């Protein structure tokens, strides 16, 4: 017989099942059974072998049971023990105790106390509460995580609303299925002529004239599928002419439609027709029109420019430097933009245009500074095909000059060696190229040197060589 079996061997009176059967009845429904005497000393302990989480507790035998309880459980067990003894063993309600062992291991147990005859000893039959405690702990952790997620969601929603309201760009978020306004900022509400609370939840087409719900959504969907597509509308309440730039997005699997509202510049109820005409002119004119940012990168372009550049769609040219389309690249672009900055506009600038596939064409470019946005000037350019005579006029005159100069050199044949003749011819061509570069750059020596592929010092040397320093040309 083991120590545990000896500890759980009791004395029975009257008719009672076989003691071995009683032990089996105690062992089967319990995870742990503790036999303590009237002084609270552990006489025996049984741990269900199918519940190995308790480990070995043989060292409890002979020691006070309260020594293996937490402070809170010690007070709870003391009160229950007093109730049991004062009631003569009738207050045998279950009690939940937290055990501690080895200073770092705690486990909860629900005990059912049983009196052992009249000896004052108790048999505590316990059920392990660790699985329940773990489930409760997981529930608590999940609840805390849920609260943290909700807090993050509220924070993200606050940031979203704050950014939306602080944005100067008029924005409207629309439900594509119902065509109703989900959200909009004050800038958009001002353009539509009503308070955000009034517009929120209403059908978008109710804010515009001459649009049914289905017609408007079809137009917006078609525009969203086209890069840079717009839908022109008239606000019903404010009478303002607006361009709607739609864009689909998906958030958490749900499709949304973000609409940017762009009022026509200087638009008023009386001028809305003029603004619409200008928009139509931009789209339909045969002259290529393009807008650039302060660094010379393409922002917008009309269909005529796309045709000139051999580009299939706006995204092929947007964001590219306009110098990519000029034969002399950065030199032409710098001269063009600097001239526009100084006087506000440049009426005519002859250049060679290079398309995306490498074809070239002579063009005449006029440029103007647009209204500065965000403190940085933007530029509008009109690019027209130059007539063949205009495109080649200067070149023809230069050829005539070069033929006269070469004829004078050829007259020297017989009076000078071939080496001297070739050197004289090279000097004539070199001088002609320098003069042409200075003419094209409006006597800007830095730009001329860059155009000719020379350093600034090398250009000065050649200018002195040909006696061109005193011509009044400056940097």
Protein backbone atom coordinates (compact mmCIF):
# COMPACT_ATOMS: atom_id res chain seq x y z
CA UNK A 1 0.00 0.00 0.00
CA UNK A 2 1.38 3.42 -0.99
CA UNK A 3 1.53 6.45 1.28
CA UNK A 4 -1.41 8.05 -0.53
CA UNK A 5 -3.49 4.90 -0.19
CA UNK A 6 -2.65 4.69 3.52
CA UNK A 7 -3.54 8.34 3.95
CA UNK A 8 -6.96 7.86 2.37
CA UNK A 9 -7.77 4.72 4.36
CA UNK A 10 -10.60 5.69 6.76
CA UNK A 11 -12.66 3.96 9.40
CA UNK A 12 -16.32 3.40 8.55
CA UNK A 13 -19.24 2.42 10.83
CA UNK A 14 -22.52 0.83 9.92
CA UNK A 15 -23.30 -0.58 6.51
CA UNK A 16 -20.98 0.92 3.87
CA UNK A 17 -19.43 -0.25 0.61
CA UNK A 18 -16.07 -1.89 0.55
CA UNK A 19 -13.36 0.63 1.56
CA UNK A 20 -11.45 -0.04 -1.68
CA UNK A 21 -14.58 0.90 -3.60
CA UNK A 22 -14.91 4.12 -1.56
CA UNK A 23 -11.36 5.05 -2.46
CA UNK A 24 -12.19 4.47 -6.12
CA UNK A 25 -15.27 6.68 -5.81
CA UNK A 26 -13.11 9.46 -4.36
CA UNK A 27 -10.37 9.09 -6.94
CA UNK A 28 -12.46 8.98 -10.11
CA UNK A 29 -14.44 12.26 -9.85
CA UNK A 30 -11.62 14.29 -8.34
CA UNK A 31 -8.43 15.74 -9.72
CA UNK A 32 -6.93 16.12 -6.27
CA UNK A 33 -7.93 14.90 -2.77
CA UNK A 34 -6.32 16.15 0.45
CA UNK A 35 -6.81 14.64 3.91
CA UNK A 36 -6.05 17.09 6.73
CA UNK A 37 -6.35 16.63 10.46
CA UNK A 38 -8.02 18.94 12.96
CA UNK A 39 -4.88 21.08 13.15
CA UNK A 40 -4.74 21.54 9.39
CA UNK A 41 -1.78 19.22 8.83
CA UNK A 42 -1.85 17.24 5.62
CA UNK A 43 -2.19 13.54 6.39
CA UNK A 44 -2.45 12.31 2.84
CA UNK A 45 -2.86 13.52 -0.72
CA UNK A 46 -4.08 12.01 -3.93
CA UNK A 47 -3.48 13.43 -7.43
CA UNK A 48 -5.35 12.01 -10.42
CA UNK A 49 -2.73 10.55 -12.79
CA UNK A 50 -4.74 11.83 -15.77
CA UNK A 51 -4.10 15.38 -14.60
CA UNK A 52 -0.32 15.75 -14.62
CA UNK A 53 -0.40 19.55 -14.37
CA UNK A 54 -0.15 19.41 -10.55
CA UNK A 55 3.10 17.48 -10.66
CA UNK A 56 4.34 15.69 -7.55
CA UNK A 57 2.83 16.97 -4.28
CA UNK A 58 4.13 14.32 -1.88
CA UNK A 59 6.10 16.98 -0.01
CA UNK A 60 2.78 18.40 1.29
CA UNK A 61 2.31 15.45 3.64
CA UNK A 62 3.12 16.36 7.22
CA UNK A 63 3.00 20.09 6.58
CA UNK A 64 0.28 22.68 7.17
CA UNK A 65 -2.25 22.84 4.34
CA UNK A 66 -2.45 26.63 4.62
CA UNK A 67 1.26 26.85 3.86
CA UNK A 68 0.44 26.03 0.25
CA UNK A 69 -2.27 28.68 -0.15
CA UNK A 70 -2.01 32.28 -1.26
CA UNK A 71 -2.68 34.96 1.38
CA UNK A 72 -6.23 35.60 0.13
CA UNK A 73 -6.99 31.88 0.09
CA UNK A 74 -5.59 31.39 3.58
CA UNK A 75 -8.09 33.88 4.99
CA UNK A 76 -10.93 32.36 2.95
CA UNK A 77 -10.07 28.80 4.07
CA UNK A 78 -9.79 29.90 7.73
CA UNK A 79 -13.29 31.40 7.63
CA UNK A 80 -14.80 28.35 5.95
CA UNK A 81 -13.07 26.00 8.40
CA UNK A 82 -14.57 27.95 11.31
CA UNK A 83 -18.04 27.70 9.73
CA UNK A 84 -17.71 23.94 9.27
CA UNK A 85 -16.68 23.32 12.85
CA UNK A 86 -19.21 25.71 14.34
CA UNK A 87 -22.02 24.08 12.35
CA UNK A 88 -20.99 20.59 13.31
CA UNK A 89 -19.99 19.67 9.78
CA UNK A 90 -23.14 20.91 8.07
CA UNK A 91 -21.64 23.96 6.27
CA UNK A 92 -19.95 21.86 3.62
CA UNK A 93 -20.28 24.20 0.67
CA UNK A 94 -17.58 24.12 -2.00
CA UNK A 95 -14.77 26.62 -1.81
CA UNK A 96 -12.32 27.87 -4.43
CA UNK A 97 -8.70 28.18 -3.31
CA UNK A 98 -5.55 29.31 -5.05
CA UNK A 99 -2.53 27.16 -4.31
CA UNK A 100 1.04 28.32 -4.51
CA UNK A 101 4.07 26.10 -4.59
CA UNK A 102 7.75 26.80 -5.13
CA UNK A 103 6.98 30.54 -4.89
CA UNK A 104 6.22 30.80 -8.59
CA UNK A 105 3.53 28.27 -9.37
CA UNK A 106 -0.12 28.99 -8.69
CA UNK A 107 -3.14 26.88 -9.56
CA UNK A 108 -6.83 27.25 -8.60
CA UNK A 109 -8.85 24.34 -7.20
CA UNK A 110 -12.53 24.07 -6.21
CA UNK A 111 -12.75 21.90 -3.07
CA UNK A 112 -15.73 20.10 -1.60
CA UNK A 113 -15.00 19.50 2.13
CA UNK A 114 -16.14 16.27 3.81
CA UNK A 115 -16.00 15.61 7.55
CA UNK A 116 -14.18 12.43 8.57
CA UNK A 117 -16.44 11.12 11.38
CA UNK A 118 -16.10 13.26 14.50
CA UNK A 119 -12.32 13.52 14.53
CA UNK A 120 -12.28 17.05 13.20
CA UNK A 121 -10.34 15.84 10.18
CA UNK A 122 -11.44 16.91 6.71
CA UNK A 123 -11.27 15.27 3.32
CA UNK A 124 -11.02 17.94 0.59
CA UNK A 125 -12.09 16.63 -2.81
CA UNK A 126 -10.96 19.08 -5.47
CA UNK A 127 -11.50 19.82 -9.15
CA UNK A 128 -8.77 21.54 -11.14
CA UNK A 129 -9.90 25.00 -12.31
CA UNK A 130 -6.88 25.68 -14.46
CA UNK A 131 -8.66 24.92 -17.78
CA UNK A 132 -11.49 27.25 -16.78
CA UNK A 133 -9.00 29.87 -15.63
CA UNK A 134 -7.14 29.61 -18.93
CA UNK A 135 -10.37 30.03 -20.88
CA UNK A 136 -11.27 33.02 -18.73
CA UNK A 137 -7.80 34.45 -19.23
CA UNK A 138 -8.13 34.04 -22.98
CA UNK A 139 -11.52 35.72 -22.86
CA UNK A 140 -10.06 38.59 -20.88
CA UNK A 141 -7.12 38.86 -23.28
CA UNK A 142 -9.41 38.82 -26.28
CA UNK A 143 -11.64 41.42 -24.68
CA UNK A 144 -8.63 43.64 -24.00
CA UNK A 145 -7.41 43.10 -27.56
CA UNK A 146 -10.86 43.95 -28.86
CA UNK A 147 -10.89 47.14 -26.83
CA UNK A 148 -7.43 48.02 -28.17
CA UNK A 149 -8.60 47.35 -31.74
CA UNK A 150 -11.67 49.50 -31.18
CA UNK A 151 -9.46 52.24 -29.79
CA UNK A 152 -7.23 52.01 -32.88
CA UNK A 153 -10.30 52.08 -35.10
CA UNK A 154 -11.63 55.16 -33.33
CA UNK A 155 -8.21 56.78 -33.59
CA UNK A 156 -7.97 55.98 -37.32
CA UNK A 157 -11.48 57.30 -37.90
CA UNK A 158 -10.62 60.48 -36.01
CA UNK A 159 -7.48 60.95 -38.12
CA UNK A 160 -9.45 60.24 -41.29
CA UNK A 161 -12.12 62.81 -40.46
CA UNK A 162 -9.52 65.34 -39.34
CA UNK A 163 -7.49 65.00 -42.55
CA UNK A 164 -10.63 65.02 -44.71
CA UNK A 165 -11.90 68.20 -43.06
CA UNK A 166 -8.49 69.90 -43.09
CA UNK A 167 -7.96 69.17 -46.79
CA UNK A 168 -8.33 72.24 -48.99
CA UNK A 169 -9.31 70.01 -51.91
CA UNK A 170 -13.10 69.51 -52.11
CA UNK A 171 -13.65 65.75 -51.64
CA UNK A 172 -16.78 63.60 -51.67
CA UNK A 173 -16.88 59.86 -50.84
CA UNK A 174 -19.74 58.07 -52.61
CA UNK A 175 -21.20 54.57 -52.24
CA UNK A 176 -21.06 53.16 -55.81
CA UNK A 177 -24.01 50.82 -55.25
CA UNK A 178 -26.48 53.32 -53.82
CA UNK A 179 -24.92 56.47 -55.35
CA UNK A 180 -25.32 58.17 -51.96
CA UNK A 181 -22.82 60.47 -50.30
CA UNK A 182 -20.97 58.75 -47.47
CA UNK A 183 -18.69 61.58 -46.46
CA UNK A 184 -17.59 64.99 -47.66
CA UNK A 185 -15.56 67.85 -46.30
CA UNK A 186 -16.55 71.46 -45.80
CA UNK A 187 -14.72 72.57 -48.96
CA UNK A 188 -16.94 70.28 -51.05
CA UNK A 189 -20.08 71.32 -49.15
CA UNK A 190 -19.33 74.98 -49.87
CA UNK A 191 -19.11 74.28 -53.59
CA UNK A 192 -22.37 72.32 -53.51
CA UNK A 193 -24.09 75.08 -51.54
CA UNK A 194 -25.26 73.19 -48.43
CA UNK A 195 -24.05 72.05 -45.02
CA UNK A 196 -22.23 68.71 -44.82
CA UNK A 197 -24.94 67.33 -42.51
CA UNK A 198 -27.59 68.12 -45.12
CA UNK A 199 -25.74 66.46 -47.99
CA UNK A 200 -24.45 63.41 -46.14
CA UNK A 201 -26.61 60.39 -46.98
CA UNK A 202 -28.33 62.03 -49.96
CA UNK A 203 -28.05 60.77 -53.54
CA UNK A 204 -25.16 62.50 -55.32
CA UNK A 205 -27.20 63.33 -58.42
CA UNK A 206 -29.54 65.47 -56.28
CA UNK A 207 -26.69 67.97 -55.90
CA UNK A 208 -26.38 68.51 -59.68
CA UNK A 209 -28.65 69.67 -62.48
CA UNK A 210 -29.84 67.48 -65.36
CA UNK A 211 -28.51 64.18 -64.04
CA UNK A 212 -30.44 61.09 -63.08
CA UNK A 213 -28.89 58.72 -60.58
CA UNK A 214 -28.07 55.99 -63.09
CA UNK A 215 -26.79 58.42 -65.71
CA UNK A 216 -24.45 60.13 -63.25
CA UNK A 217 -23.00 56.88 -61.93
CA UNK A 218 -22.42 55.58 -65.46
CA UNK A 219 -20.63 58.80 -66.37
CA UNK A 220 -18.50 58.68 -63.20
CA UNK A 221 -17.62 55.03 -63.75
CA UNK A 222 -16.59 55.71 -67.34
CA UNK A 223 -14.48 58.69 -66.24
CA UNK A 224 -12.86 56.68 -63.41
CA UNK A 225 -11.78 54.01 -65.87
CA UNK A 226 -10.06 56.68 -68.00
CA UNK A 227 -6.90 58.25 -66.64
CA UNK A 228 -7.67 61.93 -66.10
CA UNK A 229 -11.35 61.51 -67.01
CA UNK A 230 -13.77 64.16 -65.72
CA UNK A 231 -17.51 64.73 -65.57
CA UNK A 232 -18.71 68.31 -65.93
CA UNK A 233 -21.68 69.29 -63.77
CA UNK A 234 -23.56 72.32 -62.49
CA UNK A 235 -24.23 72.44 -58.73
CA UNK A 236 -28.00 72.73 -58.23
CA UNK A 237 -27.90 74.85 -55.06
CA UNK A 238 -24.89 77.11 -55.75
CA UNK A 239 -25.11 77.23 -59.55
CA UNK A 240 -21.35 76.70 -59.82
CA UNK A 241 -19.81 74.87 -62.77
CA UNK A 242 -17.66 72.02 -61.50
CA UNK A 243 -15.49 69.23 -62.83
CA UNK A 244 -15.82 65.92 -60.98
CA UNK A 245 -12.69 63.73 -61.05
CA UNK A 246 -13.74 60.26 -59.82
CA UNK A 247 -11.51 57.48 -58.56
CA UNK A 248 -12.47 54.03 -57.26
CA UNK A 249 -10.83 52.59 -54.15
CA UNK A 250 -11.35 49.52 -51.98
CA UNK A 251 -11.23 49.45 -48.17
CA UNK A 252 -11.76 46.24 -46.16
CA UNK A 253 -13.18 44.60 -49.27
CA UNK A 254 -15.77 47.33 -49.77
CA UNK A 255 -15.72 49.42 -52.95
CA UNK A 256 -15.87 53.19 -52.68
CA UNK A 257 -15.76 56.16 -55.05
CA UNK A 258 -13.71 59.25 -54.21
CA UNK A 259 -14.77 62.33 -56.16
CA UNK A 260 -12.61 65.45 -56.33
CA UNK A 261 -14.52 68.61 -57.18
CA UNK A 262 -12.66 71.23 -59.19
CA UNK A 263 -14.31 74.62 -59.75
CA UNK A 264 -13.50 76.55 -62.89
CA UNK A 265 -11.07 79.43 -62.29
CA UNK A 266 -12.95 82.63 -61.62
CA UNK A 267 -16.21 80.73 -62.06
CA UNK A 268 -19.43 82.41 -61.20
CA UNK A 269 -23.03 81.72 -62.05
CA UNK A 270 -22.82 84.10 -65.02
CA UNK A 271 -19.37 82.98 -66.17
CA UNK A 272 -19.95 79.24 -65.98
CA UNK A 273 -20.62 79.08 -69.73
CA UNK A 274 -17.28 80.74 -70.52
CA UNK A 275 -15.46 78.34 -68.21
CA UNK A 276 -17.09 75.38 -69.92
CA UNK A 277 -16.10 76.80 -73.30
CA UNK A 278 -12.48 77.06 -72.17
CA UNK A 279 -12.59 73.46 -70.99
CA UNK A 280 -13.96 72.40 -74.36
CA UNK A 281 -11.30 74.46 -76.14
CA UNK A 282 -8.57 72.71 -74.13
CA UNK A 283 -9.92 69.31 -75.13
CA UNK A 284 -10.84 69.97 -78.76
CA UNK A 285 -8.28 72.45 -80.13
CA UNK A 286 -5.82 71.22 -82.75
CA UNK A 287 -2.98 73.03 -80.95
CA UNK A 288 -1.13 71.00 -78.37
CA UNK A 289 -1.57 72.44 -74.87
CA UNK A 290 0.40 71.25 -71.86
CA UNK A 291 0.86 72.51 -68.30
CA UNK A 292 4.14 72.14 -66.39
CA UNK A 293 5.04 72.45 -62.75
CA UNK A 294 7.83 74.73 -61.56
CA UNK A 295 10.47 72.12 -62.41
CA UNK A 296 9.24 71.55 -65.94
CA UNK A 297 7.41 68.25 -65.40
CA UNK A 298 4.18 67.61 -67.29
CA UNK A 299 1.01 67.99 -65.19
CA UNK A 300 -1.80 67.99 -67.76
CA UNK A 301 -1.98 67.73 -71.54
CA UNK A 302 -4.75 67.72 -74.10
CA UNK A 303 -5.45 65.21 -76.84
CA UNK A 304 -3.56 67.25 -79.46
CA UNK A 305 -0.38 67.07 -77.39
CA UNK A 306 -0.76 63.29 -77.01
CA UNK A 307 -1.05 63.00 -80.80
CA UNK A 308 2.03 65.20 -81.30
CA UNK A 309 3.99 63.15 -78.74
CA UNK A 310 2.77 59.80 -80.17
CA UNK A 311 1.45 58.91 -76.69
CA UNK A 312 -1.52 56.60 -76.24
CA UNK A 313 -2.81 58.16 -73.02
CA UNK A 314 -2.10 60.89 -70.52
CA UNK A 315 -0.27 58.62 -68.09
CA UNK A 316 2.44 58.11 -70.74
CA UNK A 317 3.49 61.76 -70.53
CA UNK A 318 2.34 62.93 -67.08
CA UNK A 319 5.22 63.26 -64.65
CA UNK A 320 7.87 63.32 -67.38
CA UNK A 321 10.15 66.31 -67.88
CA UNK A 322 9.17 68.41 -70.90
CA UNK A 323 12.86 68.37 -71.84
CA UNK A 324 12.35 64.75 -72.92
CA UNK A 325 10.30 66.08 -75.83
CA UNK A 326 12.81 68.72 -76.95
CA UNK A 327 15.77 67.88 -79.16
CA UNK A 328 18.13 70.10 -77.18
CA UNK A 329 16.61 68.88 -73.91
CA UNK A 330 17.36 70.87 -70.78
CA UNK A 331 18.89 73.74 -72.77
CA UNK A 332 15.62 74.46 -74.59
CA UNK A 333 13.53 73.94 -71.44
CA UNK A 334 15.66 76.27 -69.33
CA UNK A 335 15.58 79.03 -71.96
CA UNK A 336 11.83 78.61 -72.39
CA UNK A 337 10.93 78.71 -68.70
CA UNK A 338 13.45 81.43 -67.79
CA UNK A 339 12.06 83.64 -70.53
CA UNK A 340 8.50 83.08 -69.28
CA UNK A 341 9.52 83.80 -65.68
CA UNK A 342 11.19 87.12 -66.57
CA UNK A 343 8.36 88.62 -68.59
CA UNK A 344 5.41 86.46 -67.56
CA UNK A 345 5.04 85.06 -71.07
CA UNK A 346 7.10 84.09 -74.13
CA UNK A 347 5.34 84.65 -77.44
CA UNK A 348 7.41 82.41 -79.67
CA UNK A 349 10.24 79.93 -79.25
CA UNK A 350 11.40 77.78 -82.17
CA UNK A 351 12.48 74.27 -81.25
CA UNK A 352 12.67 70.72 -82.52
CA UNK A 353 10.05 68.46 -80.90
CA UNK A 354 10.88 64.81 -80.32
CA UNK A 355 8.03 62.33 -79.74
CA UNK A 356 8.07 59.25 -77.53
CA UNK A 357 9.00 57.07 -80.52
CA UNK A 358 11.80 59.41 -81.66
CA UNK A 359 10.16 61.22 -84.58
CA UNK A 360 11.06 64.90 -84.89
CA UNK A 361 9.15 67.97 -85.98
CA UNK A 362 9.78 71.68 -85.99
CA UNK A 363 7.50 73.49 -83.55
CA UNK A 364 6.80 76.98 -82.31
CA UNK A 365 6.15 77.20 -78.55
CA UNK A 366 4.47 79.99 -76.62
CA UNK A 367 4.63 79.91 -72.82
CA UNK A 368 2.93 81.76 -69.98
CA UNK A 369 3.20 81.70 -66.22
CA UNK A 370 -0.03 80.44 -64.68
CA UNK A 371 -1.38 81.56 -61.35
CA UNK A 372 1.16 80.34 -58.75
CA UNK A 373 -0.11 77.49 -56.58
CA UNK A 374 1.41 76.60 -53.22
CA UNK A 375 4.00 79.32 -53.70
CA UNK A 376 5.45 77.79 -56.89
CA UNK A 377 4.80 79.06 -60.42
CA UNK A 378 3.32 76.73 -63.00
CA UNK A 379 3.54 77.12 -66.76
CA UNK A 380 1.12 76.72 -69.62
CA UNK A 381 2.53 75.94 -73.06
CA UNK A 382 0.94 75.97 -76.52
CA UNK A 383 2.91 73.89 -79.01
CA UNK A 384 2.17 74.47 -82.72
CA UNK A 385 3.63 72.85 -85.80
CA UNK A 386 5.97 75.34 -87.45
CA UNK A 387 5.52 75.81 -91.21
CA UNK A 388 8.35 74.28 -93.21
CA UNK A 389 9.55 77.66 -94.43
CA UNK A 390 9.68 79.08 -90.89
CA UNK A 391 11.32 75.98 -89.50
CA UNK A 392 14.07 76.08 -92.12
CA UNK A 393 14.36 79.85 -92.66
CA UNK A 394 17.17 80.50 -90.22
CA UNK A 395 18.96 77.39 -91.28
CA UNK A 396 18.78 78.46 -94.93
CA UNK A 397 20.29 81.83 -94.12
CA UNK A 398 23.04 80.13 -92.20
CA UNK A 399 23.69 77.85 -95.18
CA UNK A 400 24.01 80.89 -97.43
CA UNK A 401 26.49 82.40 -95.05
CA UNK A 402 28.41 79.20 -94.88
CA UNK A 403 28.46 78.85 -98.73
CA UNK A 404 29.85 82.35 -99.13
CA UNK A 405 32.47 81.70 -96.49
CA UNK A 406 33.46 78.39 -98.07
CA UNK A 407 33.63 80.00 -101.56
CA UNK A 408 36.07 82.55 -100.22
CA UNK A 409 38.15 79.72 -98.83
CA UNK A 410 38.04 77.86 -102.16
CA UNK A 411 39.38 80.97 -103.86
CA UNK A 412 42.56 80.35 -101.92
CA UNK A 413 43.19 77.10 -103.77
CA UNK A 414 46.59 77.39 -105.44
CA UNK A 415 47.83 79.97 -102.98
CA UNK A 416 47.84 77.79 -99.83
CA UNK A 417 48.44 74.16 -98.93
CA UNK A 418 45.57 71.68 -98.47
CA UNK A 419 46.22 71.56 -94.73
CA UNK A 420 45.82 75.32 -94.49
CA UNK A 421 42.64 75.21 -96.59
CA UNK A 422 41.04 72.53 -94.37
CA UNK A 423 41.98 74.48 -91.25
CA UNK A 424 40.43 77.66 -92.66
CA UNK A 425 37.24 75.79 -93.56
CA UNK A 426 36.99 74.33 -90.04
CA UNK A 427 37.36 77.79 -88.54
CA UNK A 428 34.53 79.09 -90.73
CA UNK A 429 32.18 76.28 -89.68
CA UNK A 430 33.17 76.61 -86.00
CA UNK A 431 32.49 80.37 -85.99
CA UNK A 432 29.16 79.83 -87.76
CA UNK A 433 28.07 77.25 -85.10
CA UNK A 434 29.03 79.56 -82.23
CA UNK A 435 27.12 82.46 -83.73
CA UNK A 436 24.04 80.26 -84.24
CA UNK A 437 24.18 79.01 -80.64
CA UNK A 438 24.45 82.56 -79.30
CA UNK A 439 21.51 83.60 -81.46
CA UNK A 440 19.34 80.71 -80.25
CA UNK A 441 20.14 81.34 -76.58
CA UNK A 442 19.67 85.11 -76.81
CA UNK A 443 23.41 85.66 -76.24
CA UNK A 444 23.50 83.49 -73.11
CA UNK A 445 27.05 82.12 -73.08
CA UNK A 446 26.41 79.51 -70.38
CA UNK A 447 23.49 78.03 -72.33
CA UNK A 448 25.47 78.32 -75.58
CA UNK A 449 28.38 76.39 -74.13
CA UNK A 450 26.02 73.69 -72.91
CA UNK A 451 24.33 73.55 -76.33
CA UNK A 452 27.68 73.17 -78.11
CA UNK A 453 29.01 70.64 -75.61
CA UNK A 454 31.83 72.95 -74.54
CA UNK A 455 32.98 74.15 -71.18
CA UNK A 456 32.45 77.79 -70.38
CA UNK A 457 36.20 78.45 -70.49
CA UNK A 458 36.56 76.73 -73.89
CA UNK A 459 33.78 78.91 -75.32
CA UNK A 460 35.52 82.06 -74.05
CA UNK A 461 38.76 80.99 -75.72
CA UNK A 462 37.00 80.51 -79.06
CA UNK A 463 35.15 83.83 -78.71
CA UNK A 464 38.50 85.60 -78.26
CA UNK A 465 39.94 83.63 -81.16
CA UNK A 466 37.27 84.91 -83.52
CA UNK A 467 37.15 88.42 -82.06
CA UNK A 468 33.62 88.00 -80.69
CA UNK A 469 34.32 89.10 -77.11
CA UNK A 470 33.65 92.78 -77.77
CA UNK A 471 30.25 92.12 -79.41
CA UNK A 472 28.40 93.10 -76.28
CA UNK A 473 27.31 89.55 -75.50
CA UNK A 474 26.91 88.75 -71.83
CA UNK A 475 26.23 85.73 -69.66
